[in-house]
Amino acid sequence: MFLYGEKAAFAGQMYDSLLQKAVVGNEEIDGMRLLQQLSGIMVETLMLFDEPDDGITVTYHKLAELLSCEPKSCLLGRSVLPPAYVMDVEVEQGRHLAKTLFEDWLNCAYDFHDLILFSVHHLIIRMEASGQPRADVFRLFIEITNRAMAFEFAAQELCDIVLDASVDGIKGEDSSGGKWTLSQCVSALGATAGRNLALSMPECEIFNGPLFPEKLDQVACVMTQEATRLGVPVGSDWRFGLAANDFVTSAPYDLIMTLEPSCQKLFELLGLRDLMEQAVCVSKATGRMLAITSSGVDPMIDPVIAKPLAMGAMTDTYKTVCREKAEYAFGAE
C-alpha cells in the first residue's frame, strides 16, 4: 500500500511530464493533447494484464467512483475528436511515458495500475479547475481510450490474419486457398490502408492540392513510426523506387479483396466504422508487420526492400482509388 502523499507526488511527476509534451505556442496547454497522452498511459498500463479488454471496463467503473460522477451520457461526434492519425501519434507518446514510469514497478503491475488510476483522477480534477466540466472530460477520456485500445487490438489481429495466410493459406470464396509470401502480407496491409484512406475522402477533396498528399503522409507516418519503434532501421529509403507522379498507378486488388472480409469482420467487432480510423489501424498493422519481417540482425526481408514495398502499396493504391473515384464522380472516360 502507498501513502496518499506518495500517490500525489507520483501524480504530480506524471502531470509535469505530460505538460512538457502538451505545451503549444505561447506556453499554452493543449487540453486535447494532454488527454490523448493520458489515454496512452492508461492503454499501456492495461496491456500489462492478460485481459485488457475486461480491465478497461473495471477501470472506468473505478474512475467513476473516484470522480464521484458518471461520464457525460451522450456519445461524441467525430468532429469533437482529433483525426485518427493525430490520435495515434499522441497516444503513442503517452504509452512511451508509461513504459518509462513502469521501469520502477516491474513486479507491481496492480499497484502501478492503481497509481495510474489515481493520477488520471487527479488530472481530470485539475482540468475541471481550469473550467472544463468533469463529466465532459471523463467522456472525452473514455472515447479516446476506447479508440486507442481498438487501434492496438486491430493492429495485432491484422498481423495475425496475414501471418496465418502465410502459413495456412487464404480461405474464402474469393481466394484460391494459396499461401501468401511475407512480401504479399506486407503489400496487402499497405494497400488496404491506402484504399481505406482514399475511400474516406469526399470527392471534393480528392483534387485539393494541400489535402491530397497531407493525409497520405499522415497515415503513412503511422506506419513508419510503428515500424521504427519496433526495430526497423531508421532511414530515408521508404520511397526508394516509387513511381513518378505522372506514372499511371495500379492497386493489388487481388490481395485487397482477399483480405477485405477479415478486415471488415474485425472492424465491426471493434466498433471501428470510420474509414479513416480503419486506414490508421491497417497502417499501424503494416508497420508492425514490417517489424516482424525486417528487423533484427537477420531479417526475413531486407528493410531496403520491405519499406518501399509497403510504402509503394499504400501510395499506389491510394492514388488509384482516388483516380477511380474522381472518374466515377465526374464522368471521366
Protein backbone atom coordinates (compact mmCIF):
# COMPACT_ATOMS: atom_id res chain seq x y z
CA MET A 1 0.00 0.00 0.00
CA PHE A 2 1.15 3.54 -0.66
CA LEU A 3 0.55 6.67 1.32
CA TYR A 4 -1.66 9.36 -0.19
CA GLY A 5 1.29 11.76 -0.23
CA GLU A 6 3.34 9.30 -2.30
CA LYS A 7 0.50 8.89 -4.77
CA ALA A 8 0.12 12.66 -5.05
CA ALA A 9 3.85 13.01 -5.68
CA PHE A 10 3.69 10.37 -8.42
CA ALA A 11 0.67 12.08 -10.00
CA GLY A 12 2.50 15.40 -9.89
CA GLN A 13 5.54 13.88 -11.57
CA MET A 14 3.41 12.39 -14.33
CA TYR A 15 1.45 15.62 -14.76
CA ASP A 16 4.68 17.60 -15.18
CA SER A 17 5.90 15.13 -17.81
CA LEU A 18 2.62 15.37 -19.70
CA LEU A 19 2.58 19.16 -19.55
CA GLN A 20 6.00 19.31 -21.17
CA LYS A 21 4.64 17.33 -24.12
CA ALA A 22 1.31 19.20 -24.30
CA VAL A 23 2.64 22.76 -24.38
CA VAL A 24 1.88 24.64 -27.60
CA GLY A 25 2.70 28.19 -28.66
CA ASN A 26 2.81 30.96 -26.03
CA GLU A 27 3.20 28.34 -23.27
CA GLU A 28 -0.47 27.35 -23.55
CA ILE A 29 -1.57 23.82 -22.65
CA ASP A 30 -3.40 21.82 -25.33
CA GLY A 31 -6.04 20.02 -23.26
CA MET A 32 -6.95 17.56 -26.04
CA ARG A 33 -3.32 16.62 -26.49
CA LEU A 34 -2.99 16.12 -22.75
CA LEU A 35 -6.00 13.78 -22.71
CA GLN A 36 -4.71 11.74 -25.64
CA GLN A 37 -1.37 11.17 -23.95
CA LEU A 38 -3.15 10.34 -20.71
CA SER A 39 -5.19 7.74 -22.60
CA GLY A 40 -1.95 6.32 -23.96
CA ILE A 41 -0.66 5.86 -20.43
CA MET A 42 -3.85 4.03 -19.46
CA VAL A 43 -3.75 1.79 -22.54
CA GLU A 44 -0.15 0.78 -21.90
CA THR A 45 -0.99 0.05 -18.26
CA LEU A 46 -3.92 -2.17 -19.24
CA MET A 47 -1.66 -4.09 -21.63
CA LEU A 48 0.20 -5.39 -18.60
CA PHE A 49 -2.74 -7.71 -17.87
CA ASP A 50 -3.92 -10.88 -19.61
CA GLU A 51 -7.40 -9.49 -20.38
CA PRO A 52 -7.01 -5.76 -21.08
CA ASP A 53 -10.47 -5.51 -22.67
CA ASP A 54 -12.05 -6.65 -19.40
CA GLY A 55 -9.73 -4.42 -17.40
CA ILE A 56 -10.85 -1.29 -19.20
CA THR A 57 -14.45 -1.75 -18.01
CA VAL A 58 -13.31 -2.17 -14.42
CA THR A 59 -11.05 0.86 -14.82
CA TYR A 60 -13.91 3.11 -15.94
CA HIS A 61 -16.05 1.92 -13.04
CA LYS A 62 -13.30 2.66 -10.51
CA LEU A 63 -12.60 6.02 -12.09
CA ALA A 64 -16.29 6.94 -11.85
CA GLU A 65 -16.17 6.14 -8.13
CA LEU A 66 -13.05 8.25 -7.63
CA LEU A 67 -14.56 11.16 -9.56
CA SER A 68 -17.98 10.76 -7.90
CA CYS A 69 -19.61 11.20 -11.29
CA GLU A 70 -20.51 9.33 -14.44
CA PRO A 71 -19.21 10.38 -17.85
CA LYS A 72 -21.40 12.62 -19.97
CA SER A 73 -24.09 10.35 -21.33
CA CYS A 74 -24.18 11.44 -24.96
CA LEU A 75 -21.67 9.95 -27.37
CA LEU A 76 -19.30 12.36 -29.08
CA GLY A 77 -19.38 13.06 -32.78
CA ARG A 78 -16.31 12.61 -34.98
CA SER A 79 -15.86 16.39 -35.23
CA VAL A 80 -15.14 16.61 -31.49
CA LEU A 81 -12.19 14.23 -31.62
CA PRO A 82 -8.91 14.80 -33.46
CA PRO A 83 -8.19 12.83 -36.66
CA ALA A 84 -7.26 9.22 -36.05
CA TYR A 85 -3.69 9.70 -37.29
CA VAL A 86 -3.16 12.55 -34.80
CA MET A 87 -4.69 10.49 -32.02
CA ASP A 88 -2.35 7.58 -32.68
CA VAL A 89 0.76 9.78 -32.53
CA GLU A 90 -0.26 11.41 -29.23
CA VAL A 91 -1.40 8.13 -27.66
CA GLU A 92 1.92 6.51 -28.52
CA GLN A 93 3.74 9.33 -26.72
CA GLY A 94 1.69 8.54 -23.63
CA ARG A 95 2.45 4.84 -23.98
CA HIS A 96 6.15 5.59 -24.17
CA LEU A 97 5.93 7.66 -20.99
CA ALA A 98 4.09 4.80 -19.24
CA LYS A 99 6.87 2.37 -20.17
CA THR A 100 9.42 4.75 -18.69
CA LEU A 101 7.42 5.12 -15.47
CA PHE A 102 6.88 1.37 -15.19
CA GLU A 103 10.61 0.64 -15.07
CA ASP A 104 10.50 1.07 -11.27
CA TRP A 105 7.37 -1.13 -10.90
CA LEU A 106 8.24 -4.25 -12.87
CA ASN A 107 6.94 -6.61 -10.18
CA CYS A 108 3.96 -4.49 -9.09
CA ALA A 109 1.59 -4.29 -12.08
CA TYR A 110 -1.56 -3.96 -9.96
CA ASP A 111 -0.04 -1.28 -7.74
CA PHE A 112 1.14 0.56 -10.84
CA HIS A 113 -2.36 0.42 -12.33
CA ASP A 114 -3.82 1.82 -9.11
CA LEU A 115 -1.31 4.66 -9.18
CA ILE A 116 -2.14 5.46 -12.81
CA LEU A 117 -5.84 5.39 -11.96
CA PHE A 118 -5.26 7.79 -9.09
CA SER A 119 -3.19 10.01 -11.39
CA VAL A 120 -5.90 10.09 -14.08
CA HIS A 121 -8.43 11.10 -11.42
CA HIS A 122 -6.05 13.79 -10.17
CA LEU A 123 -5.52 15.20 -13.67
CA ILE A 124 -9.22 15.29 -14.52
CA ILE A 125 -9.86 17.23 -11.31
CA ARG A 126 -7.12 19.68 -12.25
CA MET A 127 -8.66 20.13 -15.69
CA GLU A 128 -12.02 20.79 -14.05
CA ALA A 129 -10.37 23.53 -12.00
CA SER A 130 -9.38 25.11 -15.32
CA GLY A 131 -13.04 25.37 -16.31
CA GLN A 132 -13.77 22.09 -18.09
CA PRO A 133 -16.73 20.10 -16.68
CA ARG A 134 -15.67 16.87 -15.03
CA ALA A 135 -18.24 14.69 -16.81
CA ASP A 136 -17.25 16.10 -20.22
CA VAL A 137 -13.55 15.43 -19.64
CA PHE A 138 -14.37 11.94 -18.39
CA ARG A 139 -16.36 11.22 -21.57
CA LEU A 140 -13.55 12.50 -23.78
CA PHE A 141 -11.05 10.35 -21.92
CA ILE A 142 -13.24 7.26 -22.43
CA GLU A 143 -13.79 7.92 -26.14
CA ILE A 144 -10.08 8.40 -26.82
CA THR A 145 -9.04 5.43 -24.69
CA ASN A 146 -11.59 3.14 -26.37
CA ARG A 147 -10.26 4.10 -29.80
CA ALA A 148 -6.65 3.72 -28.71
CA MET A 149 -7.38 0.23 -27.39
CA ALA A 150 -9.21 -0.64 -30.60
CA PHE A 151 -6.26 0.56 -32.71
CA GLU A 152 -3.92 -1.68 -30.71
CA PHE A 153 -6.16 -4.75 -30.90
CA ALA A 154 -6.79 -4.21 -34.62
CA ALA A 155 -3.10 -3.88 -35.46
CA GLN A 156 -2.24 -7.09 -33.64
CA GLU A 157 -5.16 -9.06 -35.07
CA LEU A 158 -4.49 -7.90 -38.64
CA CYS A 159 -0.88 -9.06 -38.35
CA ASP A 160 -2.11 -12.43 -37.08
CA ILE A 161 -4.53 -12.70 -40.01
CA VAL A 162 -1.89 -12.17 -42.69
CA LEU A 163 0.65 -14.35 -40.87
CA ASP A 164 -1.91 -17.14 -40.78
CA ALA A 165 -2.32 -16.60 -44.52
CA SER A 166 1.40 -17.12 -44.99
CA VAL A 167 1.29 -20.41 -43.07
CA ASP A 168 -2.12 -21.95 -43.76
CA GLY A 169 -3.12 -20.20 -46.95
CA ILE A 170 -6.08 -17.96 -47.73
CA LYS A 171 -9.51 -19.39 -47.21
CA GLY A 172 -12.71 -17.88 -48.53
CA GLU A 173 -14.98 -17.59 -51.53
CA ASP A 174 -12.75 -15.03 -53.29
CA SER A 175 -9.45 -16.86 -52.84
CA SER A 176 -7.66 -19.82 -54.31
CA GLY A 177 -6.54 -21.09 -50.92
CA GLY A 178 -2.88 -20.48 -51.75
CA LYS A 179 -0.33 -19.34 -49.20
CA TRP A 180 0.86 -15.75 -49.18
CA THR A 181 4.52 -14.82 -49.17
CA LEU A 182 5.68 -12.39 -46.50
CA SER A 183 6.02 -9.76 -49.23
CA GLN A 184 2.37 -10.26 -50.11
CA CYS A 185 1.45 -9.90 -46.43
CA VAL A 186 3.19 -6.53 -46.29
CA SER A 187 1.71 -5.39 -49.61
CA ALA A 188 -1.82 -6.46 -48.69
CA LEU A 189 -1.80 -4.46 -45.47
CA GLY A 190 -0.20 -1.39 -47.03
CA ALA A 191 -2.61 -1.43 -49.97
CA THR A 192 -5.65 -1.88 -47.72
CA ALA A 193 -4.59 1.12 -45.65
CA GLY A 194 -4.25 3.21 -48.82
CA ARG A 195 -7.64 2.09 -50.12
CA ASN A 196 -9.48 2.87 -46.88
CA LEU A 197 -7.83 6.28 -46.73
CA ALA A 198 -8.90 7.09 -50.28
CA LEU A 199 -12.45 5.90 -49.61
CA SER A 200 -12.60 8.13 -46.52
CA MET A 201 -12.07 11.28 -48.58
CA PRO A 202 -15.03 13.14 -50.11
CA GLU A 203 -14.81 13.56 -53.89
CA CYS A 204 -14.47 17.32 -53.49
CA GLU A 205 -11.20 16.84 -51.58
CA ILE A 206 -9.55 14.42 -53.98
CA PHE A 207 -8.01 17.11 -56.18
CA ASN A 208 -7.41 19.60 -53.39
CA GLY A 209 -3.67 20.13 -53.65
CA PRO A 210 -2.81 20.59 -49.97
CA LEU A 211 -5.04 17.74 -48.73
CA PHE A 212 -4.08 15.14 -51.32
CA PRO A 213 -0.54 14.47 -50.07
CA GLU A 214 -1.05 15.64 -46.48
CA LYS A 215 -3.48 12.94 -45.38
CA LEU A 216 -1.50 10.25 -47.18
CA ASP A 217 1.69 11.42 -45.46
CA GLN A 218 -0.03 11.47 -42.06
CA VAL A 219 -1.38 7.94 -42.38
CA ALA A 220 1.91 6.68 -43.80
CA CYS A 221 3.63 8.26 -40.79
CA VAL A 222 1.64 5.95 -38.53
CA MET A 223 3.23 3.02 -40.38
CA THR A 224 6.77 4.38 -40.36
CA GLN A 225 6.66 5.35 -36.68
CA GLU A 226 5.27 1.97 -35.65
CA ALA A 227 7.96 0.19 -37.65
CA THR A 228 10.86 2.21 -36.25
CA ARG A 229 9.54 1.93 -32.68
CA LEU A 230 9.69 -1.85 -33.06
CA GLY A 231 13.17 -2.08 -34.51
CA VAL A 232 13.05 -1.42 -38.27
CA PRO A 233 16.15 0.62 -39.17
CA VAL A 234 15.61 4.35 -39.46
CA GLY A 235 16.37 5.77 -42.89
CA SER A 236 15.19 7.82 -45.83
CA ASP A 237 14.67 4.81 -48.13
CA TRP A 238 10.91 4.49 -47.64
CA ARG A 239 10.12 5.96 -51.06
CA PHE A 240 13.03 4.42 -52.96
CA GLY A 241 11.85 3.28 -56.39
CA LEU A 242 8.30 4.63 -56.09
CA ALA A 243 6.50 5.54 -59.30
CA ALA A 244 6.73 9.14 -60.51
CA ASN A 245 3.67 11.37 -60.23
CA ASP A 246 2.99 11.18 -63.98
CA PHE A 247 3.06 7.37 -63.96
CA VAL A 248 -0.32 5.60 -64.04
CA THR A 249 -0.59 3.61 -60.82
CA SER A 250 -2.45 0.40 -60.10
CA ALA A 251 -3.66 -1.35 -56.98
CA PRO A 252 -3.21 -5.03 -55.96
CA TYR A 253 -6.96 -5.63 -55.83
CA ASP A 254 -6.49 -9.40 -55.62
CA LEU A 255 -4.73 -9.02 -52.27
CA ILE A 256 -7.06 -6.28 -51.05
CA MET A 257 -10.28 -8.14 -51.84
CA THR A 258 -8.98 -11.32 -50.25
CA LEU A 259 -8.12 -9.51 -47.02
CA GLU A 260 -11.22 -7.27 -47.02
CA PRO A 261 -13.76 -9.72 -45.45
CA SER A 262 -11.48 -10.42 -42.47
CA CYS A 263 -10.82 -6.69 -42.02
CA GLN A 264 -14.48 -5.76 -42.04
CA LYS A 265 -15.38 -8.53 -39.62
CA LEU A 266 -12.69 -7.30 -37.24
CA PHE A 267 -13.64 -3.63 -37.57
CA GLU A 268 -17.29 -4.47 -36.91
CA LEU A 269 -16.31 -6.39 -33.79
CA LEU A 270 -14.23 -3.46 -32.53
CA GLY A 271 -16.82 -0.84 -33.45
CA LEU A 272 -14.49 0.89 -35.91
CA ARG A 273 -16.81 2.04 -38.69
CA ASP A 274 -14.99 5.23 -39.66
CA LEU A 275 -12.87 4.67 -42.78
CA MET A 276 -10.10 6.98 -41.61
CA GLU A 277 -9.83 5.07 -38.33
CA GLN A 278 -9.72 1.83 -40.30
CA ALA A 279 -6.94 3.21 -42.50
CA VAL A 280 -4.90 4.17 -39.42
CA CYS A 281 -5.39 0.71 -37.90
CA VAL A 282 -4.20 -1.05 -41.05
CA SER A 283 -1.29 1.38 -41.43
CA LYS A 284 -0.27 0.60 -37.85
CA ALA A 285 -0.52 -3.11 -38.64
CA THR A 286 1.65 -2.60 -41.72
CA GLY A 287 4.37 -1.01 -39.59
CA ARG A 288 4.14 -3.88 -37.13
CA MET A 289 4.35 -6.41 -39.96
CA LEU A 290 7.47 -4.67 -41.23
CA ALA A 291 8.98 -5.07 -37.76
CA ILE A 292 8.24 -8.80 -37.92
CA THR A 293 9.78 -9.27 -41.35
CA SER A 294 12.55 -6.67 -41.48
CA SER A 295 14.07 -6.05 -38.03
CA GLY A 296 16.91 -7.75 -36.22
CA VAL A 297 20.32 -8.91 -37.40
CA ASP A 298 18.95 -11.44 -39.89
CA PRO A 299 15.68 -10.06 -41.29
CA MET A 300 13.42 -12.23 -43.44
CA ILE A 301 13.06 -9.34 -45.91
CA ASP A 302 15.78 -6.73 -46.21
CA PRO A 303 14.47 -3.36 -44.93
CA VAL A 304 15.69 -1.68 -48.11
CA ILE A 305 13.18 -3.85 -49.98
CA ALA A 306 10.36 -4.12 -47.44
CA LYS A 307 10.00 -0.43 -46.60
CA PRO A 308 9.45 0.80 -50.20
CA LEU A 309 7.25 -2.25 -50.81
CA ALA A 310 4.87 -1.20 -48.04
CA MET A 311 5.01 2.49 -48.93
CA GLY A 312 4.50 1.77 -52.63
CA ALA A 313 1.49 -0.45 -51.99
CA MET A 314 -0.12 2.22 -49.81
CA THR A 315 0.69 5.15 -52.11
CA ASP A 316 -0.18 3.48 -55.41
CA THR A 317 -3.46 2.11 -54.08
CA TYR A 318 -4.41 5.47 -52.59
CA LYS A 319 -3.76 7.26 -55.88
CA THR A 320 -5.51 4.56 -57.91
CA VAL A 321 -8.67 4.59 -55.79
CA CYS A 322 -8.72 8.41 -55.73
CA ARG A 323 -8.45 8.46 -59.52
CA GLU A 324 -11.21 5.87 -59.89
CA LYS A 325 -13.46 7.81 -57.50
CA ALA A 326 -12.85 11.01 -59.45
CA GLU A 327 -13.55 9.32 -62.78
CA TYR A 328 -16.80 7.92 -61.44
CA ALA A 329 -17.86 11.18 -59.78
CA PHE A 330 -17.06 13.42 -62.74
CA GLY A 331 -17.88 11.00 -65.52
CA ALA A 332 -14.37 10.74 -66.93
CA GLU A 333 -13.80 8.11 -69.59
